[in-house]
Protein backbone atom coordinates (compact mmCIF):
# COMPACT_ATOMS: atom_id res chain seq x y z
CA MET A 1 -21.60 -21.17 9.01
CA GLU A 2 -17.67 -20.71 8.60
CA LYS A 3 -16.12 -17.11 6.99
CA GLY A 4 -13.52 -17.93 4.87
CA GLY A 5 -9.68 -16.72 4.79
CA TRP A 6 -6.91 -15.14 2.61
CA VAL A 7 -3.85 -16.36 2.64
CA TYR A 8 -1.80 -13.22 1.30
CA LEU A 9 1.99 -11.27 0.96
CA MET A 10 3.72 -8.40 1.97
CA THR A 11 6.56 -6.94 1.16
CA ASN A 12 8.53 -4.00 1.88
CA LYS A 13 9.35 -0.44 -0.01
CA TYR A 14 12.20 -2.64 -1.89
CA ASN A 15 10.20 -6.16 -2.48
CA THR A 16 13.90 -7.57 0.34
CA VAL A 17 11.48 -9.63 2.43
CA ILE A 18 8.18 -11.61 1.68
CA TYR A 19 5.41 -11.99 4.31
CA VAL A 20 2.69 -14.51 4.74
CA GLY A 21 0.00 -14.47 6.24
CA VAL A 22 -3.48 -15.47 6.69
CA THR A 23 -6.42 -13.50 8.40
CA SER A 24 -10.50 -13.49 7.85
CA ASP A 25 -10.34 -9.78 7.75
CA LEU A 26 -7.53 -9.22 4.82
CA ARG A 27 -9.00 -5.04 4.54
CA GLN A 28 -8.18 -4.81 8.36
CA ARG A 29 -5.13 -6.92 8.21
CA VAL A 30 -3.43 -4.98 5.78
CA PHE A 31 -4.54 -1.73 7.05
CA ASP A 32 -2.35 -3.08 10.87
CA HIS A 33 0.32 -3.58 8.86
CA GLN A 34 0.26 -0.16 6.94
CA ASN A 35 -0.26 1.30 10.34
CA SER A 36 2.68 -0.60 12.30
CA ARG A 37 -0.43 -1.64 14.78
CA TYR A 38 1.91 -3.94 16.21
CA PRO A 39 4.39 -2.03 16.74
CA GLY A 40 7.19 -4.77 17.90
CA SER A 41 6.09 -7.69 15.13
CA PHE A 42 8.74 -8.36 12.13
CA THR A 43 5.94 -6.35 9.72
CA SER A 44 6.74 -3.67 12.09
CA ARG A 45 10.45 -4.02 12.27
CA TYR A 46 10.44 -4.40 8.41
CA ARG A 47 8.16 -1.88 7.18
CA ILE A 48 6.15 -4.39 5.16
CA ASN A 49 3.03 -2.76 4.39
CA LYS A 50 3.04 -2.96 0.54
CA LEU A 51 0.10 -6.42 -0.37
CA VAL A 52 1.82 -8.33 -3.44
CA TYR A 53 -0.30 -11.18 -3.87
CA PHE A 54 -3.57 -12.34 -2.44
CA HIS A 55 -5.94 -15.13 -1.95
CA PHE A 56 -9.38 -16.02 -0.37
CA PHE A 57 -10.78 -19.82 0.36
CA ASP A 58 -13.81 -20.22 1.80
CA SER A 59 -12.61 -21.94 4.65
CA ILE A 60 -10.23 -20.62 6.94
CA GLN A 61 -8.67 -24.22 7.82
CA GLU A 62 -7.69 -23.94 3.88
CA ALA A 63 -6.64 -20.71 4.26
CA ILE A 64 -4.62 -22.13 6.94
CA ASP A 65 -2.89 -25.30 5.34
CA GLU A 66 -2.08 -22.95 2.31
CA GLU A 67 -0.05 -20.30 4.53
CA LYS A 68 1.27 -23.83 6.36
CA ARG A 69 2.57 -24.65 2.65
CA ILE A 70 3.53 -21.70 1.73
CA LYS A 71 5.56 -20.96 4.25
CA GLY A 72 6.96 -24.38 3.65
CA GLY A 73 8.59 -23.84 0.29
CA ASN A 74 11.62 -21.91 -0.86
CA ARG A 75 11.63 -18.09 -1.58
CA GLN A 76 11.63 -18.88 -5.40
CA SER A 77 8.14 -20.15 -5.32
CA LYS A 78 6.85 -17.39 -3.46
CA LEU A 79 8.92 -14.66 -6.07
CA ASN A 80 6.58 -16.71 -8.96
CA MET A 81 3.26 -16.70 -7.26
CA ILE A 82 3.79 -12.56 -6.91
CA ASN A 83 4.99 -12.75 -10.53
CA GLN A 84 2.06 -14.63 -11.93
CA MET A 85 -0.41 -12.59 -9.60
CA ASN A 86 1.14 -8.87 -9.76
CA PRO A 87 4.42 -9.29 -12.36
CA GLU A 88 4.93 -5.09 -11.96
CA TRP A 89 4.89 -5.35 -7.79
CA LYS A 90 2.16 -2.94 -7.00
CA ASP A 91 1.20 -2.56 -3.98
CA LEU A 92 -2.52 -4.54 -4.32
CA SER A 93 -4.49 -2.92 -1.37
CA ASN A 94 -5.03 0.60 -3.54
CA GLY A 95 -7.99 0.98 -4.85
CA VAL A 96 -8.62 -2.96 -5.00
CA GLU A 97 -11.44 -4.72 -3.57
CA ILE A 98 -11.10 -7.35 -1.04
């Protein structure tokens, strides 16, 4: 039985850097980013710790394919995705069941 997967977008305090990721455990992965679990990583260097978009897929492969599609797009398409789901760019990891 496949577990499924999440595609997520995170940003920094000033909403200037957008990070696109994929995971099977969104809660744990966001926690890792917020606590700089990997100190030399891109998200740690740029202090990316605010979850601004997420979407669940029934299969991890679908999530991986969507992550690749998003990463292949331009910045404006990422901004549009975030603005459609979260126009105020609030941190969705606080109080949201994921």
